[in-house]
């Protein structure tokens, strides 16, 4: 079988998982550095979703490192099915969290001018965190698409 870019147990798969982990961690760090984010449910949902993505990506990156060192093939149907379900669940949660947070910040920043009136509210940090969450989702979408095609070909 032809190896797809980003398949489990490959260098490109490891790079994809490290990218997901990095962007999720950065999103959490930037959001956590913003004051008063915890009073808004959408931003807390973003933190929880990115935390789940961080754990999922770190676990699969460790599995990729193991497979690369031991030269193991991770493309059996049961394992790939688990990867597909996990990627799709984290992808949907990440997209939902990023979109809901983006909706809230657009309402506050653009429609209500809340960021201009409430000077200590860190709108720019929250916007950066949401952007990083969308980058994370983009990488998850690539990964879940690759996993789906691998599952279909097994």
N, C-alpha and C. Protein backbone atom coordinates (compact mmCIF):
# COMPACT_ATOMS: atom_id res chain seq x y z
N UNK A 1 0.82 -1.18 0.00
CA UNK A 1 0.00 0.00 0.00
C UNK A 1 0.87 1.25 0.00
N UNK A 2 0.47 2.23 -0.75
CA UNK A 2 1.20 3.49 -0.82
C UNK A 2 1.04 4.27 0.48
N UNK A 3 2.14 4.78 1.00
CA UNK A 3 2.10 5.53 2.25
C UNK A 3 1.64 6.96 1.98
N UNK A 4 0.61 7.37 2.70
CA UNK A 4 0.08 8.72 2.56
C UNK A 4 0.86 9.68 3.45
N UNK A 5 0.90 10.92 3.05
CA UNK A 5 1.54 11.96 3.84
C UNK A 5 0.74 12.15 5.13
N UNK A 6 1.39 11.99 6.27
CA UNK A 6 0.73 12.14 7.55
C UNK A 6 0.19 10.85 8.13
N UNK A 7 0.57 9.71 7.54
CA UNK A 7 0.07 8.44 8.06
C UNK A 7 0.76 8.09 9.38
N UNK A 8 0.09 7.29 10.23
CA UNK A 8 0.68 6.98 11.53
C UNK A 8 1.96 6.15 11.40
N UNK A 9 2.92 6.46 12.24
CA UNK A 9 4.18 5.74 12.21
C UNK A 9 5.17 6.27 11.19
N UNK A 10 4.89 7.44 10.62
CA UNK A 10 5.80 8.04 9.64
C UNK A 10 6.32 9.37 10.16
N UNK A 11 7.37 9.87 9.53
CA UNK A 11 7.92 11.17 9.95
C UNK A 11 6.92 12.30 9.70
N UNK A 12 6.20 12.22 8.61
CA UNK A 12 5.22 13.27 8.33
C UNK A 12 4.05 13.20 9.33
N UNK A 13 3.68 12.00 9.74
CA UNK A 13 2.65 11.86 10.77
C UNK A 13 3.10 12.43 12.10
N UNK A 14 4.38 12.19 12.42
CA UNK A 14 4.94 12.75 13.65
C UNK A 14 4.96 14.28 13.59
N UNK A 15 5.35 14.83 12.45
CA UNK A 15 5.38 16.28 12.29
C UNK A 15 3.97 16.88 12.41
N UNK A 16 2.99 16.19 11.87
CA UNK A 16 1.61 16.65 11.96
C UNK A 16 1.14 16.67 13.41
N UNK A 17 1.45 15.62 14.16
CA UNK A 17 1.05 15.54 15.57
C UNK A 17 1.80 16.57 16.42
N UNK A 18 3.06 16.80 16.12
CA UNK A 18 3.81 17.81 16.86
C UNK A 18 3.25 19.20 16.58
N UNK A 19 2.84 19.45 15.34
CA UNK A 19 2.21 20.72 15.00
C UNK A 19 0.89 20.91 15.73
N UNK A 20 0.08 19.86 15.80
CA UNK A 20 -1.18 19.93 16.53
C UNK A 20 -0.93 20.22 18.00
N UNK A 21 0.02 19.51 18.57
CA UNK A 21 0.37 19.69 19.98
C UNK A 21 0.86 21.11 20.24
N UNK A 22 1.72 21.62 19.38
CA UNK A 22 2.30 22.94 19.56
C UNK A 22 1.25 24.04 19.48
N UNK A 23 0.41 23.99 18.45
CA UNK A 23 -0.61 25.03 18.30
C UNK A 23 -1.65 24.96 19.41
N UNK A 24 -2.02 23.75 19.84
CA UNK A 24 -2.98 23.62 20.95
C UNK A 24 -2.38 24.18 22.24
N UNK A 25 -1.11 23.86 22.50
CA UNK A 25 -0.46 24.37 23.71
C UNK A 25 -0.34 25.90 23.66
N UNK A 26 -0.02 26.44 22.50
CA UNK A 26 0.08 27.89 22.36
C UNK A 26 -1.28 28.56 22.55
N UNK A 27 -2.32 27.95 22.04
CA UNK A 27 -3.67 28.49 22.21
C UNK A 27 -4.05 28.52 23.69
N UNK A 28 -3.75 27.45 24.40
CA UNK A 28 -4.04 27.40 25.83
C UNK A 28 -3.23 28.45 26.58
N UNK A 29 -1.95 28.56 26.25
CA UNK A 29 -1.08 29.51 26.97
C UNK A 29 -1.53 30.94 26.76
N UNK A 30 -1.87 31.30 25.53
CA UNK A 30 -2.29 32.68 25.25
C UNK A 30 -3.63 32.97 25.91
N UNK A 31 -4.55 32.02 25.86
CA UNK A 31 -5.85 32.25 26.49
C UNK A 31 -5.72 32.32 28.01
N UNK A 32 -4.87 31.47 28.59
CA UNK A 32 -4.69 31.48 30.04
C UNK A 32 -4.01 32.77 30.51
N UNK A 33 -3.24 33.40 29.64
CA UNK A 33 -2.59 34.66 30.02
C UNK A 33 -3.54 35.85 29.94
N UNK A 34 -4.69 35.66 29.33
CA UNK A 34 -5.68 36.74 29.24
C UNK A 34 -6.49 36.78 30.54
N UNK A 35 -6.62 37.95 31.08
CA UNK A 35 -7.38 38.07 32.33
C UNK A 35 -8.88 37.95 32.05
N UNK A 36 -9.58 37.38 32.98
CA UNK A 36 -11.05 37.28 32.95
C UNK A 36 -11.60 36.41 31.83
N UNK A 37 -10.79 35.52 31.27
CA UNK A 37 -11.33 34.63 30.24
C UNK A 37 -12.28 33.60 30.85
N UNK A 38 -12.06 33.27 32.12
CA UNK A 38 -12.82 32.18 32.74
C UNK A 38 -14.27 32.56 33.04
N UNK A 39 -14.62 33.81 32.88
CA UNK A 39 -16.01 34.21 33.12
C UNK A 39 -16.89 34.00 31.89
N UNK A 40 -16.29 33.58 30.77
CA UNK A 40 -17.03 33.36 29.54
C UNK A 40 -16.96 31.88 29.16
N UNK A 41 -18.11 31.25 29.02
CA UNK A 41 -18.20 29.82 28.80
C UNK A 41 -17.53 29.39 27.50
N UNK A 42 -17.65 30.16 26.45
CA UNK A 42 -17.06 29.78 25.17
C UNK A 42 -15.54 29.70 25.26
N UNK A 43 -14.93 30.60 26.01
CA UNK A 43 -13.48 30.59 26.14
C UNK A 43 -13.02 29.42 27.02
N UNK A 44 -13.82 29.08 28.03
CA UNK A 44 -13.50 27.89 28.84
C UNK A 44 -13.63 26.62 28.01
N UNK A 45 -14.63 26.57 27.13
CA UNK A 45 -14.79 25.44 26.23
C UNK A 45 -13.60 25.32 25.29
N UNK A 46 -13.08 26.45 24.84
CA UNK A 46 -11.89 26.43 23.98
C UNK A 46 -10.69 25.85 24.72
N UNK A 47 -10.51 26.26 25.98
CA UNK A 47 -9.40 25.73 26.78
C UNK A 47 -9.56 24.22 26.97
N UNK A 48 -10.77 23.76 27.28
CA UNK A 48 -11.00 22.33 27.49
C UNK A 48 -10.77 21.55 26.21
N UNK A 49 -11.26 22.07 25.09
CA UNK A 49 -11.09 21.39 23.82
C UNK A 49 -9.62 21.32 23.40
N UNK A 50 -8.91 22.41 23.56
CA UNK A 50 -7.49 22.41 23.22
C UNK A 50 -6.69 21.52 24.17
N UNK A 51 -7.13 21.41 25.42
CA UNK A 51 -6.48 20.50 26.36
C UNK A 51 -6.64 19.05 25.94
N UNK A 52 -7.85 18.69 25.51
CA UNK A 52 -8.08 17.34 25.00
C UNK A 52 -7.24 17.09 23.74
N UNK A 53 -7.18 18.07 22.86
CA UNK A 53 -6.39 17.93 21.64
C UNK A 53 -4.91 17.80 21.98
N UNK A 54 -4.45 18.53 22.96
CA UNK A 54 -3.05 18.46 23.37
C UNK A 54 -2.71 17.05 23.85
N UNK A 55 -3.57 16.47 24.68
CA UNK A 55 -3.33 15.12 25.18
C UNK A 55 -3.38 14.08 24.07
N UNK A 56 -4.36 14.19 23.18
CA UNK A 56 -4.52 13.25 22.08
C UNK A 56 -3.30 13.31 21.15
N UNK A 57 -2.90 14.50 20.78
CA UNK A 57 -1.76 14.66 19.86
C UNK A 57 -0.46 14.20 20.51
N UNK A 58 -0.28 14.49 21.78
CA UNK A 58 0.93 14.05 22.47
C UNK A 58 0.99 12.52 22.54
N UNK A 59 -0.12 11.90 22.84
CA UNK A 59 -0.16 10.43 22.88
C UNK A 59 0.16 9.80 21.53
N UNK A 60 -0.42 10.35 20.48
CA UNK A 60 -0.15 9.79 19.15
C UNK A 60 1.25 10.13 18.65
N UNK A 61 1.80 11.26 19.08
CA UNK A 61 3.19 11.58 18.73
C UNK A 61 4.14 10.59 19.40
N UNK A 62 3.85 10.25 20.66
CA UNK A 62 4.68 9.24 21.34
C UNK A 62 4.56 7.89 20.64
N UNK A 63 3.37 7.55 20.19
CA UNK A 63 3.18 6.30 19.45
C UNK A 63 3.93 6.33 18.12
N UNK A 64 3.95 7.46 17.47
CA UNK A 64 4.71 7.61 16.21
C UNK A 64 6.21 7.47 16.46
N UNK A 65 6.71 8.06 17.54
CA UNK A 65 8.13 7.93 17.87
C UNK A 65 8.47 6.46 18.13
N UNK A 66 7.60 5.78 18.87
CA UNK A 66 7.82 4.36 19.14
C UNK A 66 7.86 3.55 17.84
N UNK A 67 6.90 3.82 16.96
CA UNK A 67 6.83 3.08 15.70
C UNK A 67 8.04 3.37 14.82
N UNK A 68 8.52 4.60 14.82
CA UNK A 68 9.69 4.94 14.01
C UNK A 68 10.95 4.29 14.57
N UNK A 69 11.09 4.27 15.88
CA UNK A 69 12.30 3.67 16.48
C UNK A 69 12.32 2.15 16.32
N UNK A 70 11.15 1.51 16.49
CA UNK A 70 11.07 0.05 16.41
C UNK A 70 10.75 -0.46 15.01
N UNK A 71 10.53 0.49 14.08
CA UNK A 71 10.17 0.16 12.70
C UNK A 71 8.91 -0.73 12.65
N UNK A 72 7.89 -0.30 13.39
CA UNK A 72 6.62 -1.01 13.45
C UNK A 72 5.62 -0.35 12.51
N UNK A 73 4.72 -1.17 12.01
CA UNK A 73 3.65 -0.67 11.15
C UNK A 73 2.41 -0.46 12.00
N UNK A 74 1.88 0.74 11.99
CA UNK A 74 0.70 1.06 12.78
C UNK A 74 -0.59 1.01 11.97
N UNK A 75 -0.54 0.42 10.81
CA UNK A 75 -1.71 0.46 9.94
C UNK A 75 -2.48 -0.86 9.95
N UNK A 76 -2.94 -1.26 11.14
CA UNK A 76 -3.88 -2.37 11.18
C UNK A 76 -5.28 -1.80 11.39
N UNK A 77 -6.31 -2.52 10.97
CA UNK A 77 -7.67 -1.94 10.95
C UNK A 77 -8.18 -1.46 12.31
N UNK A 78 -7.89 -2.17 13.37
CA UNK A 78 -8.40 -1.78 14.69
C UNK A 78 -7.74 -0.49 15.16
N UNK A 79 -6.44 -0.40 15.01
CA UNK A 79 -5.71 0.79 15.45
C UNK A 79 -6.09 2.01 14.62
N UNK A 80 -6.21 1.83 13.32
CA UNK A 80 -6.59 2.96 12.44
C UNK A 80 -8.02 3.40 12.73
N UNK A 81 -8.91 2.45 13.06
CA UNK A 81 -10.28 2.82 13.43
C UNK A 81 -10.29 3.69 14.67
N UNK A 82 -9.45 3.35 15.64
CA UNK A 82 -9.33 4.16 16.85
C UNK A 82 -8.80 5.55 16.50
N UNK A 83 -7.82 5.63 15.62
CA UNK A 83 -7.28 6.93 15.21
C UNK A 83 -8.34 7.77 14.51
N UNK A 84 -9.13 7.14 13.65
CA UNK A 84 -10.17 7.87 12.91
C UNK A 84 -11.20 8.45 13.88
N UNK A 85 -11.68 7.64 14.79
CA UNK A 85 -12.70 8.11 15.74
C UNK A 85 -12.12 9.22 16.62
N UNK A 86 -10.92 9.02 17.13
CA UNK A 86 -10.30 10.03 17.98
C UNK A 86 -10.05 11.33 17.25
N UNK A 87 -9.56 11.24 16.03
CA UNK A 87 -9.31 12.46 15.24
C UNK A 87 -10.61 13.19 14.92
N UNK A 88 -11.65 12.44 14.57
CA UNK A 88 -12.91 13.09 14.22
C UNK A 88 -13.55 13.74 15.45
N UNK A 89 -13.49 13.07 16.60
CA UNK A 89 -14.07 13.65 17.81
C UNK A 89 -13.32 14.93 18.20
N UNK A 90 -11.98 14.85 18.21
CA UNK A 90 -11.22 16.05 18.60
C UNK A 90 -11.36 17.15 17.54
N UNK A 91 -11.49 16.77 16.28
CA UNK A 91 -11.66 17.78 15.23
C UNK A 91 -12.99 18.52 15.40
N UNK A 92 -14.06 17.77 15.66
CA UNK A 92 -15.36 18.42 15.83
C UNK A 92 -15.40 19.29 17.08
N UNK A 93 -14.82 18.80 18.17
CA UNK A 93 -14.78 19.61 19.39
C UNK A 93 -13.95 20.87 19.20
N UNK A 94 -12.82 20.74 18.53
CA UNK A 94 -11.95 21.89 18.31
C UNK A 94 -12.61 22.93 17.41
N UNK A 95 -13.26 22.47 16.36
CA UNK A 95 -13.94 23.41 15.47
C UNK A 95 -15.11 24.10 16.19
N UNK A 96 -15.87 23.34 16.96
CA UNK A 96 -16.99 23.93 17.69
C UNK A 96 -16.50 24.96 18.70
N UNK A 97 -15.42 24.64 19.40
CA UNK A 97 -14.89 25.57 20.40
C UNK A 97 -14.32 26.82 19.75
N UNK A 98 -13.60 26.65 18.67
CA UNK A 98 -13.01 27.80 17.98
C UNK A 98 -14.11 28.70 17.38
N UNK A 99 -15.12 28.10 16.80
CA UNK A 99 -16.19 28.89 16.20
C UNK A 99 -17.02 29.62 17.26
N UNK A 100 -17.32 28.94 18.36
CA UNK A 100 -18.11 29.61 19.40
C UNK A 100 -17.32 30.75 20.03
N UNK A 101 -16.03 30.53 20.26
CA UNK A 101 -15.19 31.60 20.82
C UNK A 101 -15.05 32.75 19.84
N UNK A 102 -14.91 32.43 18.57
CA UNK A 102 -14.81 33.48 17.56
C UNK A 102 -16.11 34.28 17.47
N UNK A 103 -17.24 33.61 17.60
CA UNK A 103 -18.51 34.32 17.59
C UNK A 103 -18.65 35.29 18.76
N UNK A 104 -18.22 34.84 19.93
CA UNK A 104 -18.30 35.71 21.11
C UNK A 104 -17.39 36.91 20.97
N UNK A 105 -16.16 36.68 20.52
CA UNK A 105 -15.21 37.80 20.44
C UNK A 105 -15.59 38.77 19.31
N UNK A 106 -16.18 38.28 18.24
CA UNK A 106 -16.66 39.18 17.18
C UNK A 106 -17.80 40.03 17.72
N UNK A 107 -18.69 39.41 18.47
CA UNK A 107 -19.78 40.17 19.07
C UNK A 107 -19.24 41.27 19.99
N UNK A 108 -18.29 40.92 20.83
CA UNK A 108 -17.75 41.91 21.77
C UNK A 108 -16.88 42.96 21.10
N UNK A 109 -16.02 42.53 20.20
CA UNK A 109 -15.06 43.47 19.61
C UNK A 109 -15.67 44.34 18.52
N UNK A 110 -16.49 43.76 17.67
CA UNK A 110 -16.98 44.50 16.51
C UNK A 110 -18.37 45.10 16.69
N UNK A 111 -19.26 44.30 17.26
CA UNK A 111 -20.65 44.74 17.33
C UNK A 111 -20.96 45.61 18.55
N UNK A 112 -20.41 45.23 19.70
CA UNK A 112 -20.73 45.97 20.93
C UNK A 112 -19.64 46.95 21.35
N UNK A 113 -18.52 46.95 20.68
CA UNK A 113 -17.35 47.77 21.05
C UNK A 113 -16.97 47.59 22.51
N UNK A 114 -17.13 46.37 22.99
CA UNK A 114 -16.82 46.04 24.37
C UNK A 114 -15.32 46.17 24.65
N UNK A 115 -14.50 45.89 23.67
CA UNK A 115 -13.05 45.94 23.86
C UNK A 115 -12.56 47.38 24.01
N UNK A 116 -13.23 48.31 23.37
CA UNK A 116 -12.83 49.72 23.48
C UNK A 116 -13.31 50.34 24.79
N UNK A 117 -14.50 49.92 25.25
CA UNK A 117 -15.05 50.48 26.47
C UNK A 117 -14.45 49.84 27.72
N UNK A 118 -14.19 48.57 27.66
CA UNK A 118 -13.61 47.85 28.80
C UNK A 118 -12.11 47.71 28.57
N UNK A 119 -11.35 48.68 28.99
CA UNK A 119 -9.92 48.72 28.68
C UNK A 119 -9.12 47.52 29.19
N UNK A 120 -9.41 46.93 30.36
CA UNK A 120 -8.57 45.81 30.77
C UNK A 120 -8.92 44.49 30.08
N UNK A 121 -9.99 44.45 29.30
CA UNK A 121 -10.37 43.20 28.63
C UNK A 121 -9.42 42.93 27.47
N UNK A 122 -8.71 41.80 27.47
CA UNK A 122 -7.64 41.52 26.49
C UNK A 122 -8.18 40.90 25.19
N UNK A 123 -8.85 41.67 24.39
CA UNK A 123 -9.43 41.15 23.15
C UNK A 123 -8.36 40.61 22.19
N UNK A 124 -7.25 41.29 22.08
CA UNK A 124 -6.22 40.85 21.13
C UNK A 124 -5.63 39.50 21.53
N UNK A 125 -5.43 39.26 22.80
CA UNK A 125 -4.92 37.95 23.24
C UNK A 125 -5.91 36.85 22.95
N UNK A 126 -7.17 37.14 23.19
CA UNK A 126 -8.21 36.14 22.93
C UNK A 126 -8.31 35.86 21.44
N UNK A 127 -8.20 36.89 20.62
CA UNK A 127 -8.23 36.69 19.16
C UNK A 127 -7.05 35.85 18.69
N UNK A 128 -5.87 36.06 19.27
CA UNK A 128 -4.70 35.26 18.91
C UNK A 128 -4.91 33.82 19.32
N UNK A 129 -5.45 33.61 20.50
CA UNK A 129 -5.72 32.25 20.96
C UNK A 129 -6.71 31.52 20.05
N UNK A 130 -7.72 32.24 19.63
CA UNK A 130 -8.72 31.64 18.72
C UNK A 130 -8.08 31.33 17.37
N UNK A 131 -7.23 32.21 16.88
CA UNK A 131 -6.53 31.95 15.61
C UNK A 131 -5.66 30.69 15.71
N UNK A 132 -4.97 30.55 16.82
CA UNK A 132 -4.15 29.34 17.02
C UNK A 132 -5.02 28.09 17.10
N UNK A 133 -6.22 28.22 17.67
CA UNK A 133 -7.14 27.09 17.72
C UNK A 133 -7.60 26.70 16.32
N UNK A 134 -7.82 27.69 15.46
CA UNK A 134 -8.20 27.37 14.07
C UNK A 134 -7.04 26.71 13.32
N UNK A 135 -5.80 27.13 13.57
CA UNK A 135 -4.64 26.44 12.98
C UNK A 135 -4.57 25.00 13.46
N UNK A 136 -4.84 24.80 14.75
CA UNK A 136 -4.86 23.44 15.30
C UNK A 136 -5.92 22.61 14.59
N UNK A 137 -7.11 23.18 14.42
CA UNK A 137 -8.18 22.44 13.76
C UNK A 137 -7.80 22.10 12.31
N UNK A 138 -7.14 23.01 11.63
CA UNK A 138 -6.73 22.74 10.25
C UNK A 138 -5.81 21.52 10.20
N UNK A 139 -4.86 21.44 11.13
CA UNK A 139 -3.97 20.28 11.16
C UNK A 139 -4.73 19.00 11.54
N UNK A 140 -5.71 19.12 12.42
CA UNK A 140 -6.52 17.95 12.78
C UNK A 140 -7.35 17.50 11.58
N UNK A 141 -7.86 18.46 10.82
CA UNK A 141 -8.65 18.11 9.64
C UNK A 141 -7.80 17.34 8.63
N UNK A 142 -6.56 17.74 8.44
CA UNK A 142 -5.66 17.00 7.55
C UNK A 142 -5.46 15.59 8.08
N UNK A 143 -5.19 15.49 9.35
CA UNK A 143 -4.94 14.19 9.97
C UNK A 143 -6.16 13.28 9.87
N UNK A 144 -7.34 13.80 10.17
CA UNK A 144 -8.53 12.96 10.11
C UNK A 144 -8.86 12.54 8.69
N UNK A 145 -8.58 13.40 7.72
CA UNK A 145 -8.79 13.05 6.32
C UNK A 145 -7.85 11.92 5.90
N UNK A 146 -6.59 12.01 6.30
CA UNK A 146 -5.62 10.96 5.97
C UNK A 146 -6.01 9.64 6.63
N UNK A 147 -6.41 9.71 7.90
CA UNK A 147 -6.80 8.48 8.61
C UNK A 147 -8.01 7.84 7.97
N UNK A 148 -8.96 8.65 7.51
CA UNK A 148 -10.14 8.11 6.84
C UNK A 148 -9.74 7.36 5.57
N UNK A 149 -8.84 7.93 4.77
CA UNK A 149 -8.41 7.27 3.54
C UNK A 149 -7.59 6.01 3.81
N UNK A 150 -6.82 6.03 4.87
CA UNK A 150 -6.07 4.81 5.23
C UNK A 150 -7.04 3.73 5.65
N UNK A 151 -8.05 4.08 6.45
CA UNK A 151 -9.05 3.10 6.88
C UNK A 151 -9.80 2.53 5.69
N UNK A 152 -10.11 3.38 4.72
CA UNK A 152 -10.83 2.93 3.53
C UNK A 152 -9.97 1.99 2.68
N UNK A 153 -8.65 2.15 2.74
CA UNK A 153 -7.79 1.33 1.88
C UNK A 153 -7.35 0.02 2.55
N UNK A 154 -7.58 -0.11 3.85
CA UNK A 154 -7.16 -1.35 4.53
C UNK A 154 -8.16 -2.44 4.31
